[in-house]
C-alpha atoms as a PDB file:
ATOM      1  CA  MET A   1      12.465  -0.857   0.417  1.00  0.00           C
ATOM      2  CA  ARG A   2      11.152  -0.470  -3.316  1.00  0.00           C
ATOM      3  CA  THR A   3      11.153   3.011  -3.365  1.00  0.00           C
ATOM      4  CA  LEU A   4      14.385   5.138  -1.828  1.00  0.00           C
ATOM      5  CA  TYR A   5      13.693   8.815  -2.134  1.00  0.00           C
ATOM      6  CA  THR A   6      16.580  11.358  -3.240  1.00  0.00           C
ATOM      7  CA  ALA A   7      18.322  13.567  -0.654  1.00  0.00           C
ATOM      8  CA  VAL A   8      16.297  16.826  -0.618  1.00  0.00           C
ATOM      9  CA  VAL A   9      15.293  18.458  -3.604  1.00  0.00           C
ATOM     10  CA  LEU A  10      15.108  22.342  -3.160  1.00  0.00           C
ATOM     11  CA  LEU A  11      12.857  24.905  -5.111  1.00  0.00           C
ATOM     12  CA  LEU A  12      13.700  27.601  -7.239  1.00  0.00           C
ATOM     13  CA  CYS A  13      12.049  31.014  -6.152  1.00  0.00           C
ATOM     14  CA  ALA A  14       9.869  32.912  -7.284  1.00  0.00           C
ATOM     15  CA  GLY A  15       9.945  36.844  -7.938  1.00  0.00           C
ATOM     16  CA  THR A  16      12.460  38.185  -5.368  1.00  0.00           C
ATOM     17  CA  LEU A  17      14.204  34.889  -5.380  1.00  0.00           C
ATOM     18  CA  GLN A  18      13.506  34.312  -1.563  1.00  0.00           C
ATOM     19  CA  ALA A  19      13.737  30.794  -0.230  1.00  0.00           C
ATOM     20  CA  CYS A  20      10.446  28.850  -1.722  1.00  0.00           C
ATOM     21  CA  ASP A  21      10.665  25.128  -1.017  1.00  0.00           C
ATOM     22  CA  VAL A  22       6.998  24.616  -1.705  1.00  0.00           C
ATOM     23  CA  CYS A  23       6.120  23.227  -5.422  1.00  0.00           C
ATOM     24  CA  GLY A  24       6.302  19.795  -6.898  1.00  0.00           C
ATOM     25  CA  CYS A  25       9.703  18.834  -6.397  1.00  0.00           C
ATOM     26  CA  SER A  26       9.490  20.649  -2.751  1.00  0.00           C
ATOM     27  CA  VAL A  27       6.751  18.739  -0.793  1.00  0.00           C
ATOM     28  CA  GLY A  28       8.096  15.215  -1.438  1.00  0.00           C
ATOM     29  CA  GLY A  29       9.828  15.536  -4.934  1.00  0.00           C
ATOM     30  CA  GLN A  30      12.032  12.500  -4.123  1.00  0.00           C
ATOM     31  CA  TYR A  31       9.816   9.767  -5.989  1.00  0.00           C
ATOM     32  CA  ALA A  32      11.726   6.769  -7.392  1.00  0.00           C
ATOM     33  CA  GLY A  33       8.885   4.940  -8.742  1.00  0.00           C
ATOM     34  CA  ILE A  34       9.026   1.006  -8.147  1.00  0.00           C
ATOM     35  CA  LEU A  35      12.373  -0.600  -7.790  1.00  0.00           C
ATOM     36  CA  PRO A  36      12.020  -4.169  -8.402  1.00  0.00           C
ATOM     37  CA  GLN A  37      13.551  -7.231  -7.289  1.00  0.00           C
ATOM     38  CA  PHE A  38      13.503  -6.303  -3.778  1.00  0.00           C
ATOM     39  CA  HIS A  39      15.195  -9.094  -2.671  1.00  0.00           C
ATOM     40  CA  ARG A  40      18.390  -8.594  -4.678  1.00  0.00           C
ATOM     41  CA  ASN A  41      21.187  -6.416  -4.440  1.00  0.00           C
ATOM     42  CA  PHE A  42      21.166  -3.421  -7.115  1.00  0.00           C
ATOM     43  CA  ILE A  43      23.362  -0.339  -8.229  1.00  0.00           C
ATOM     44  CA  GLY A  44      22.094   1.980 -10.676  1.00  0.00           C
ATOM     45  CA  THR A  45      21.273   5.420 -11.819  1.00  0.00           C
ATOM     46  CA  ARG A  46      18.216   7.439 -11.948  1.00  0.00           C
ATOM     47  CA  ILE A  47      17.649  10.703 -14.170  1.00  0.00           C
ATOM     48  CA  SER A  48      14.289  12.586 -13.243  1.00  0.00           C
ATOM     49  CA  GLY A  49      12.961  15.777 -13.997  1.00  0.00           C
ATOM     50  CA  GLN A  50       9.921  18.608 -12.422  1.00  0.00           C
ATOM     51  CA  THR A  51       8.403  21.487 -13.902  1.00  0.00           C
ATOM     52  CA  PHE A  52       6.321  24.208 -11.940  1.00  0.00           C
ATOM     53  CA  ARG A  53       5.592  27.577 -12.137  1.00  0.00           C
ATOM     54  CA  THR A  54       5.442  30.525  -9.353  1.00  0.00           C
ATOM     55  CA  ALA A  55       4.241  33.999  -8.871  1.00  0.00           C
ATOM     56  CA  HIS A  56       3.846  36.708  -5.892  1.00  0.00           C
ATOM     57  CA  SER A  57       0.476  35.858  -5.435  1.00  0.00           C
ATOM     58  CA  ALA A  58      -2.087  33.223  -5.874  1.00  0.00           C
ATOM     59  CA  TRP A  59      -4.153  35.912  -8.193  1.00  0.00           C
ATOM     60  CA  ALA A  60      -0.853  36.689  -9.911  1.00  0.00           C
ATOM     61  CA  LEU A  61      -0.463  32.675 -10.552  1.00  0.00           C
ATOM     62  CA  ALA A  62      -4.203  32.350 -12.112  1.00  0.00           C
ATOM     63  CA  ASN A  63      -3.853  35.833 -14.487  1.00  0.00           C
ATOM     64  CA  ASP A  64      -0.030  34.503 -15.465  1.00  0.00           C
ATOM     65  CA  TYR A  65       1.213  37.963 -14.309  1.00  0.00           C
ATOM     66  CA  GLU A  66       4.878  38.004 -13.516  1.00  0.00           C
ATOM     67  CA  VAL A  67       5.277  34.001 -13.416  1.00  0.00           C
ATOM     68  CA  SER A  68       8.021  32.401 -13.442  1.00  0.00           C
ATOM     69  CA  GLU A  69       8.989  28.973 -14.983  1.00  0.00           C
ATOM     70  CA  GLU A  70      11.187  26.554 -12.960  1.00  0.00           C
ATOM     71  CA  VAL A  71      12.710  22.914 -14.173  1.00  0.00           C
ATOM     72  CA  VAL A  72      14.684  21.041 -11.485  1.00  0.00           C
ATOM     73  CA  TYR A  73      16.761  17.942 -12.876  1.00  0.00           C
ATOM     74  CA  SER A  74      18.487  15.263 -10.857  1.00  0.00           C
ATOM     75  CA  ILE A  75      20.904  12.301 -11.605  1.00  0.00           C
ATOM     76  CA  ASP A  76      20.751  10.271  -8.771  1.00  0.00           C
ATOM     77  CA  LEU A  77      23.382   7.195  -8.071  1.00  0.00           C
ATOM     78  CA  LEU A  78      21.487   4.687  -6.283  1.00  0.00           C
ATOM     79  CA  ALA A  79      22.658   1.515  -4.600  1.00  0.00           C
ATOM     80  CA  ARG A  80      20.942  -1.465  -2.233  1.00  0.00           C
ATOM     81  CA  MET A  81      22.850  -3.917  -0.231  1.00  0.00           C
ATOM     82  CA  TYR A  82      21.618  -6.370   1.913  1.00  0.00           C
ATOM     83  CA  VAL A  83      23.585  -7.224   5.301  1.00  0.00           C
ATOM     84  CA  GLY A  84      22.454 -10.445   6.617  1.00  0.00           C
ATOM     85  CA  ARG A  85      18.952 -11.895   5.692  1.00  0.00           C
ATOM     86  CA  ARG A  86      16.786  -9.116   7.025  1.00  0.00           C
ATOM     87  CA  ILE A  87      18.580  -5.873   6.731  1.00  0.00           C
ATOM     88  CA  GLN A  88      18.804  -4.155   3.709  1.00  0.00           C
ATOM     89  CA  ILE A  89      20.950  -0.537   3.338  1.00  0.00           C
ATOM     90  CA  LEU A  90      19.954   1.689   0.695  1.00  0.00           C
ATOM     91  CA  GLY A  91      22.271   5.038  -0.293  1.00  0.00           C
ATOM     92  CA  VAL A  92      21.808   7.613  -3.102  1.00  0.00           C
ATOM     93  CA  VAL A  93      23.725  10.572  -3.970  1.00  0.00           C
ATOM     94  CA  PRO A  94      22.304  13.170  -6.409  1.00  0.00           C
ATOM     95  CA  TYR A  95      23.459  15.763  -8.491  1.00  0.00           C
ATOM     96  CA  LEU A  96      21.278  18.634  -8.917  1.00  0.00           C
ATOM     97  CA  ASN A  97      20.755  21.336 -11.502  1.00  0.00           C
ATOM     98  CA  PHE A  98      17.870  24.014 -11.062  1.00  0.00           C
ATOM     99  CA  GLN A  99      16.960  26.634 -14.486  1.00  0.00           C
ATOM    100  CA  ARG A 100      14.449  29.461 -13.761  1.00  0.00           C
ATOM    101  CA  ASN A 101      13.372  31.509 -16.101  1.00  0.00           C
ATOM    102  CA  GLY A 102      10.947  34.737 -15.597  1.00  0.00           C
ATOM    103  CA  GLU A 103      10.440  38.475 -15.023  1.00  0.00           C
ATOM    104  CA  GLY A 104      13.444  39.335 -17.642  1.00  0.00           C
ATOM    105  CA  SER A 105      16.053  37.149 -15.588  1.00  0.00           C
ATOM    106  CA  THR A 106      17.544  33.919 -15.380  1.00  0.00           C
ATOM    107  CA  ALA A 107      18.996  31.397 -12.818  1.00  0.00           C
ATOM    108  CA  ASN A 108      21.110  28.303 -13.328  1.00  0.00           C
ATOM    109  CA  THR A 109      22.944  26.375 -10.549  1.00  0.00           C
ATOM    110  CA  SER A 110      23.965  23.137  -9.999  1.00  0.00           C
ATOM    111  CA  GLY A 111      26.098  20.413  -7.910  1.00  0.00           C
ATOM    112  CA  PHE A 112      25.999  17.312  -5.934  1.00  0.00           C
ATOM    113  CA  GLY A 113      23.281  17.293  -3.088  1.00  0.00           C
ATOM    114  CA  ASP A 114      23.130  15.530  -0.074  1.00  0.00           C
ATOM    115  CA  VAL A 115      23.682  12.234   0.421  1.00  0.00           C
ATOM    116  CA  ALA A 116      20.980   9.978   2.258  1.00  0.00           C
ATOM    117  CA  ILE A 117      21.561   6.496   3.603  1.00  0.00           C
ATOM    118  CA  MET A 118      18.452   4.353   4.976  1.00  0.00           C
ATOM    119  CA  ALA A 119      18.601   0.796   6.876  1.00  0.00           C
ATOM    120  CA  SER A 120      15.653  -1.293   6.387  1.00  0.00           C
ATOM    121  CA  TYR A 121      14.437  -4.370   8.263  1.00  0.00           C
ATOM    122  CA  VAL A 122      12.599  -7.002   6.916  1.00  0.00           C
ATOM    123  CA  LEU A 123      10.068  -7.314   9.804  1.00  0.00           C
ATOM    124  CA  LEU A 124       7.673  -9.781   7.422  1.00  0.00           C
ATOM    125  CA  GLN A 125       8.062 -11.733   4.472  1.00  0.00           C
ATOM    126  CA  SER A 126       6.251 -14.809   3.064  1.00  0.00           C
ATOM    127  CA  ASP A 127       7.655 -17.608   1.403  1.00  0.00           C
ATOM    128  CA  ALA A 128       7.277 -17.917  -2.486  1.00  0.00           C
ATOM    129  CA  HIS A 129       5.821 -21.057  -1.907  1.00  0.00           C
ATOM    130  CA  PRO A 130       3.176 -22.366  -4.454  1.00  0.00           C
ATOM    131  CA  GLN A 131       0.837 -23.344  -1.792  1.00  0.00           C
ATOM    132  CA  HIS A 132       0.706 -19.931  -0.026  1.00  0.00           C
ATOM    133  CA  ARG A 133      -2.028 -17.717  -2.134  1.00  0.00           C
ATOM    134  CA  TRP A 134      -1.035 -14.403  -0.802  1.00  0.00           C
ATOM    135  CA  GLN A 135       2.769 -13.229  -0.281  1.00  0.00           C
ATOM    136  CA  GLN A 136       3.979 -10.278   1.476  1.00  0.00           C
ATOM    137  CA  GLN A 137       6.623  -8.342   3.009  1.00  0.00           C
ATOM    138  CA  LEU A 138       7.146  -5.397   5.298  1.00  0.00           C
ATOM    139  CA  LEU A 139       9.948  -3.153   5.686  1.00  0.00           C
ATOM    140  CA  LEU A 140      10.506  -0.766   8.581  1.00  0.00           C
ATOM    141  CA  SER A 141      13.014   1.982   7.814  1.00  0.00           C
ATOM    142  CA  GLY A 142      15.133   4.661   9.067  1.00  0.00           C
ATOM    143  CA  GLY A 143      18.101   6.933   8.197  1.00  0.00           C
ATOM    144  CA  LEU A 144      19.624  10.083   7.557  1.00  0.00           C
ATOM    145  CA  LYS A 145      20.271  13.109   5.205  1.00  0.00           C
ATOM    146  CA  MET A 146      23.553  14.267   5.399  1.00  0.00           C
ATOM    147  CA  PRO A 147      24.803  17.969   4.699  1.00  0.00           C
ATOM    148  CA  THR A 148      27.094  17.022   2.236  1.00  0.00           C
ATOM    149  CA  GLY A 149      26.035  19.547  -0.653  1.00  0.00           C
ATOM    150  CA  PRO A 150      26.872  22.956  -0.969  1.00  0.00           C
ATOM    151  CA  SER A 151      24.621  25.439   0.553  1.00  0.00           C
ATOM    152  CA  ARG A 152      26.727  28.250   0.698  1.00  0.00           C
ATOM    153  CA  LEU A 153      26.889  29.132  -2.951  1.00  0.00           C
ATOM    154  CA  MET A 154      27.282  32.882  -4.108  1.00  0.00           C
ATOM    155  CA  ASP A 155      26.180  34.695  -7.277  1.00  0.00           C
ATOM    156  CA  GLY A 156      28.648  36.606  -9.065  1.00  0.00           C
ATOM    157  CA  SER A 157      28.309  39.735  -6.773  1.00  0.00           C
ATOM    158  CA  GLY A 158      29.347  37.744  -4.079  1.00  0.00           C
ATOM    159  CA  LEU A 159      25.803  37.413  -1.830  1.00  0.00           C
ATOM    160  CA  VAL A 160      25.117  34.068  -0.882  1.00  0.00           C
ATOM    161  CA  LEU A 161      22.368  32.470  -3.109  1.00  0.00           C
ATOM    162  CA  PRO A 162      18.591  31.694  -1.504  1.00  0.00           C
ATOM    163  CA  ALA A 163      18.095  28.378   0.122  1.00  0.00           C
ATOM    164  CA  GLY A 164      15.852  27.697  -3.122  1.00  0.00           C
ATOM    165  CA  LEU A 165      19.303  27.640  -5.255  1.00  0.00           C
ATOM    166  CA  GLN A 166      21.595  25.538  -3.305  1.00  0.00           C
ATOM    167  CA  PRO A 167      22.427  21.787  -4.120  1.00  0.00           C
ATOM    168  CA  GLY A 168      21.915  21.044  -0.152  1.00  0.00           C
ATOM    169  CA  THR A 169      20.050  22.442   2.964  1.00  0.00           C
ATOM    170  CA  GLY A 170      23.093  22.275   5.222  1.00  0.00           C
ATOM    171  CA  SER A 171      21.440  20.333   7.886  1.00  0.00           C
ATOM    172  CA  TRP A 172      21.065  16.922   9.240  1.00  0.00           C
ATOM    173  CA  ASP A 173      17.489  15.476   8.614  1.00  0.00           C
ATOM    174  CA  MET A 174      16.054  12.105  10.268  1.00  0.00           C
ATOM    175  CA  LEU A 175      14.287   9.604   7.581  1.00  0.00           C
ATOM    176  CA  THR A 176      11.816   6.836   8.754  1.00  0.00           C
ATOM    177  CA  GLY A 177       9.511   4.923   7.005  1.00  0.00           C
ATOM    178  CA  VAL A 178       7.312   1.588   6.325  1.00  0.00           C
ATOM    179  CA  ASN A 179       6.976  -0.496   3.052  1.00  0.00           C
ATOM    180  CA  TYR A 180       4.145  -2.812   2.455  1.00  0.00           C
ATOM    181  CA  THR A 181       4.010  -5.422  -0.411  1.00  0.00           C
ATOM    182  CA  ILE A 182       1.024  -7.957  -0.830  1.00  0.00           C
ATOM    183  CA  ARG A 183       0.701  -9.900  -3.598  1.00  0.00           C
ATOM    184  CA  GLN A 184      -1.751 -12.721  -5.430  1.00  0.00           C
ATOM    185  CA  GLY A 185      -0.233 -14.452  -8.639  1.00  0.00           C
ATOM    186  CA  ALA A 186       1.039 -11.674 -10.566  1.00  0.00           C
ATOM    187  CA  TRP A 187      -0.784  -8.935  -9.204  1.00  0.00           C
ATOM    188  CA  ALA A 188       0.462  -7.009  -6.341  1.00  0.00           C
ATOM    189  CA  LEU A 189      -0.099  -3.763  -4.121  1.00  0.00           C
ATOM    190  CA  ASN A 190       2.614  -1.647  -2.455  1.00  0.00           C
ATOM    191  CA  THR A 191       2.245   0.894   0.030  1.00  0.00           C
ATOM    192  CA  ASP A 192       5.419   3.171   1.161  1.00  0.00           C
ATOM    193  CA  ILE A 193       5.335   6.079   3.678  1.00  0.00           C
ATOM    194  CA  LEU A 194       8.169   8.049   4.418  1.00  0.00           C
ATOM    195  CA  ALA A 195       8.855  10.926   6.645  1.00  0.00           C
ATOM    196  CA  ARG A 196      11.148  13.773   6.778  1.00  0.00           C
ATOM    197  CA  PHE A 197      12.114  15.372  10.054  1.00  0.00           C
ATOM    198  CA  ASN A 198      14.188  18.637   9.371  1.00  0.00           C
ATOM    199  CA  THR A 199      17.057  20.557  11.457  1.00  0.00           C
ATOM    200  CA  ALA A 200      18.272  24.040  11.086  1.00  0.00           C
ATOM    201  CA  SER A 201      21.301  24.726   9.227  1.00  0.00           C
ATOM    202  CA  GLN A 202      23.975  26.811  10.505  1.00  0.00           C
ATOM    203  CA  ASN A 203      22.212  30.114   9.130  1.00  0.00           C
ATOM    204  CA  ALA A 204      19.169  29.005  11.108  1.00  0.00           C
ATOM    205  CA  TYR A 205      17.076  28.258   8.075  1.00  0.00           C
ATOM    206  CA  ARG A 206      14.822  25.030   8.608  1.00  0.00           C
ATOM    207  CA  PHE A 207      12.830  23.416   5.826  1.00  0.00           C
ATOM    208  CA  GLY A 208       9.307  22.190   7.081  1.00  0.00           C
ATOM    209  CA  ASN A 209       8.795  18.387   8.137  1.00  0.00           C
ATOM    210  CA  ARG A 210       8.038  16.161   4.912  1.00  0.00           C
ATOM    211  CA  LEU A 211       5.456  13.176   4.423  1.00  0.00           C
ATOM    212  CA  SER A 212       5.265  11.423   1.498  1.00  0.00           C
ATOM    213  CA  ALA A 213       2.627   8.294   0.809  1.00  0.00           C
ATOM    214  CA  SER A 214       2.181   6.188  -2.023  1.00  0.00           C
ATOM    215  CA  THR A 215       0.268   3.592  -3.155  1.00  0.00           C
ATOM    216  CA  ARG A 216       0.812   1.350  -6.837  1.00  0.00           C
ATOM    217  CA  LEU A 217      -1.161  -1.490  -8.007  1.00  0.00           C
ATOM    218  CA  PHE A 218       1.039  -3.503 -10.545  1.00  0.00           C
ATOM    219  CA  TYR A 219       1.022  -6.851 -12.729  1.00  0.00           C
ATOM    220  CA  TRP A 220       4.128  -9.417 -13.048  1.00  0.00           C
ATOM    221  CA  GLN A 221       3.945 -10.038 -16.930  1.00  0.00           C
ATOM    222  CA  LYS A 222       6.974 -12.780 -17.209  1.00  0.00           C
ATOM    223  CA  THR A 223       8.149 -13.969 -20.769  1.00  0.00           C
ATOM    224  CA  GLY A 224      11.054 -16.388 -21.085  1.00  0.00           C
ATOM    225  CA  LYS A 225      13.937 -14.512 -19.160  1.00  0.00           C
ATOM    226  CA  SER A 226      12.473 -11.090 -19.120  1.00  0.00           C
ATOM    227  CA  THR A 227       9.805  -9.661 -16.678  1.00  0.00           C
ATOM    228  CA  LEU A 228       7.550  -6.409 -17.501  1.00  0.00           C
ATOM    229  CA  LEU A 229       6.024  -4.750 -14.337  1.00  0.00           C
ATOM    230  CA  PRO A 230       3.400  -1.769 -15.629  1.00  0.00           C
ATOM    231  CA  HIS A 231       2.228  -0.029 -12.542  1.00  0.00           C
ATOM    232  CA  THR A 232      -0.456   2.515 -11.603  1.00  0.00           C
ATOM    233  CA  GLY A 233      -1.145   4.508  -8.477  1.00  0.00           C
ATOM    234  CA  ALA A 234      -1.262   7.858  -6.602  1.00  0.00           C
ATOM    235  CA  LEU A 235       0.803   9.930  -4.393  1.00  0.00           C
ATOM    236  CA  LEU A 236       0.259  12.170  -1.560  1.00  0.00           C
ATOM    237  CA  GLU A 237       3.044  14.599  -0.386  1.00  0.00           C
ATOM    238  CA  LEU A 238       2.776  16.749   2.802  1.00  0.00           C
ATOM    239  CA  ALA A 239       5.333  19.923   3.933  1.00  0.00           C
ATOM    240  CA  ASN A 240       5.066  22.207   7.250  1.00  0.00           C
ATOM    241  CA  ARG A 241       5.899  26.045   6.366  1.00  0.00           C
ATOM    242  CA  ASP A 242       9.718  26.406   6.242  1.00  0.00           C
ATOM    243  CA  VAL A 243      11.211  28.522   9.492  1.00  0.00           C
ATOM    244  CA  ASP A 244      13.367  31.165   8.282  1.00  0.00           C
ATOM    245  CA  PRO A 245      14.979  33.972  10.875  1.00  0.00           C
ATOM    246  CA  ALA A 246      14.058  36.557   8.248  1.00  0.00           C
ATOM    247  CA  GLY A 247      10.656  35.762   8.243  1.00  0.00           C
ATOM    248  CA  LEU A 248      10.112  34.761   4.484  1.00  0.00           C
ATOM    249  CA  THR A 249       8.200  31.623   4.894  1.00  0.00           C
ATOM    250  CA  GLU A 250       4.829  32.638   3.740  1.00  0.00           C
ATOM    251  CA  ALA A 251       5.083  30.589   0.187  1.00  0.00           C
ATOM    252  CA  THR A 252       6.372  27.389   1.620  1.00  0.00           C
ATOM    253  CA  GLY A 253       4.552  24.206   2.788  1.00  0.00           C
ATOM    254  CA  GLY A 254       1.313  23.035   1.696  1.00  0.00           C
ATOM    255  CA  TYR A 255       0.141  19.418   0.052  1.00  0.00           C
ATOM    256  CA  ALA A 256      -0.407  17.809  -3.212  1.00  0.00           C
ATOM    257  CA  VAL A 257      -1.833  14.788  -4.889  1.00  0.00           C
ATOM    258  CA  TRP A 258      -0.360  12.841  -7.804  1.00  0.00           C
ATOM    259  CA  GLY A 259      -1.370  10.277 -10.336  1.00  0.00           C
ATOM    260  CA  SER A 260       1.227   7.855 -11.574  1.00  0.00           C
ATOM    261  CA  LEU A 261       1.991   5.682 -14.797  1.00  0.00           C
ATOM    262  CA  GLY A 262       5.124   3.633 -15.407  1.00  0.00           C
ATOM    263  CA  ALA A 263       6.543   0.363 -16.240  1.00  0.00           C
ATOM    264  CA  ASP A 264       9.637  -1.705 -15.389  1.00  0.00           C
ATOM    265  CA  TRP A 265      11.691  -4.252 -17.430  1.00  0.00           C
ATOM    266  CA  ILE A 266      13.753  -6.547 -16.100  1.00  0.00           C
ATOM    267  CA  TYR A 267      16.110  -8.888 -18.392  1.00  0.00           C
ATOM    268  CA  GLY A 268      18.992 -10.958 -16.682  1.00  0.00           C
ATOM    269  CA  HIS A 269      21.151  -8.595 -14.260  1.00  0.00           C
ATOM    270  CA  PHE A 270      19.022  -5.715 -15.748  1.00  0.00           C
ATOM    271  CA  ALA A 271      16.341  -3.766 -14.553  1.00  0.00           C
ATOM    272  CA  LEU A 272      14.700  -0.404 -16.590  1.00  0.00           C
ATOM    273  CA  GLY A 273      12.101   1.945 -15.444  1.00  0.00           C
ATOM    274  CA  ALA A 274       9.913   4.864 -16.290  1.00  0.00           C
ATOM    275  CA  ASN A 275       7.776   6.899 -14.389  1.00  0.00           C
ATOM    276  CA  TYR A 276       5.199   9.914 -15.323  1.00  0.00           C
ATOM    277  CA  LEU A 277       3.571  11.977 -12.724  1.00  0.00           C
ATOM    278  CA  ILE A 278       0.707  14.247 -13.163  1.00  0.00           C
ATOM    279  CA  PRO A 279      -0.854  16.712 -10.289  1.00  0.00           C
ATOM    280  CA  ILE A 280      -4.271  15.579  -9.649  1.00  0.00           C
ATOM    281  CA  HIS A 281      -5.067  18.445  -6.344  1.00  0.00           C
ATOM    282  CA  GLN A 282      -2.321  21.052  -5.199  1.00  0.00           C
ATOM    283  CA  TYR A 283      -2.003  23.714  -2.454  1.00  0.00           C
ATOM    284  CA  LEU A 284       1.259  24.530  -2.643  1.00  0.00           C
ATOM    285  CA  GLY A 285       2.804  27.792  -0.841  1.00  0.00           C
ATOM    286  CA  THR A 286      -0.535  29.585  -0.165  1.00  0.00           C
ATOM    287  CA  GLY A 287      -1.657  28.700  -3.840  1.00  0.00           C
ATOM    288  CA  ARG A 288       1.546  30.586  -5.236  1.00  0.00           C
ATOM    289  CA  THR A 289       2.981  27.689  -7.187  1.00  0.00           C
ATOM    290  CA  GLU A 290       1.702  25.337  -9.514  1.00  0.00           C
ATOM    291  CA  SER A 291       3.631  21.920  -9.898  1.00  0.00           C
ATOM    292  CA  ARG A 292       3.004  20.414 -13.129  1.00  0.00           C
ATOM    293  CA  GLN A 293       4.444  17.049 -14.659  1.00  0.00           C
ATOM    294  CA  ARG A 294       7.144  15.162 -13.071  1.00  0.00           C
ATOM    295  CA  TRP A 295       9.122  11.766 -14.578  1.00  0.00           C
ATOM    296  CA  ASN A 296      11.692   9.611 -13.997  1.00  0.00           C
ATOM    297  CA  LEU A 297      14.081   7.090 -16.002  1.00  0.00           C
ATOM    298  CA  SER A 298      16.255   4.604 -14.392  1.00  0.00           C
ATOM    299  CA  ILE A 299      18.671   1.561 -15.360  1.00  0.00           C
ATOM    300  CA  ASN A 300      19.859  -0.850 -12.235  1.00  0.00           C
ATOM    301  CA  TYR A 301      22.310  -3.320 -12.382  1.00  0.00           C
ATOM    302  CA  LEU A 302      20.975  -6.322 -10.250  1.00  0.00           C
ATOM    303  CA  PHE A 303      23.260  -9.076  -8.394  1.00  0.00           C
END
């Protein structure tokens, strides 16, 4: 599967620091970009960053009143292995850093997040034969996000931090997806859909279910031993509202549409990638959150 999403990237919170899993990195926020050479194993790392603004109300956000600025950084270890001819095992271990500034206060937390493992079955794969004008690949995937990251970190006074400042969710979540690629000559189109169905944590907080759908057009440009893959596309992210016994979920859920531009460069056993996304249209947290740019850089070792 050419797109592997990180285990849940939680949000920072606005104002009172209530749980606020609503903005750019919450609705999907697990975008990896193209992982080239889908027929090979790899191990690698990805560094990503996301920026957003939150406020107590849509009016406050529009008028820049008591607005907080948040940044989430993630360093992910990724791996993909073939088990047999048609089965891939994919995994990711994220390390997350949350930074929030606003209303005269700052917050900064970090730690390893939740590990995610997915198995993908190659349902359809065309042979790379010169007589075949069109080449296709279809993968069906399923997996789990496990509650390996801390979800009960405390502040200096001994109070448990809000869910949006915890590296882990404390819940077992199901992942399912489908990935389709069609190629003719040097041009190819990739479509990827991933859904995450969340369960409740021990404190009964449940993040809303998520759906991410992306499509990318990319071009193979081979020169000697190296290959360049520039690509552009769009990403849609949807999130249901969270469920919280305390009832603080009004500023959660929503949708966002992103435009993406990037490139991958492959030389021998190494693949370098860069991707940049900008929001095109969004309605997050009933208008209380504004997602801004998102980017990621990756390096993979192919074998």
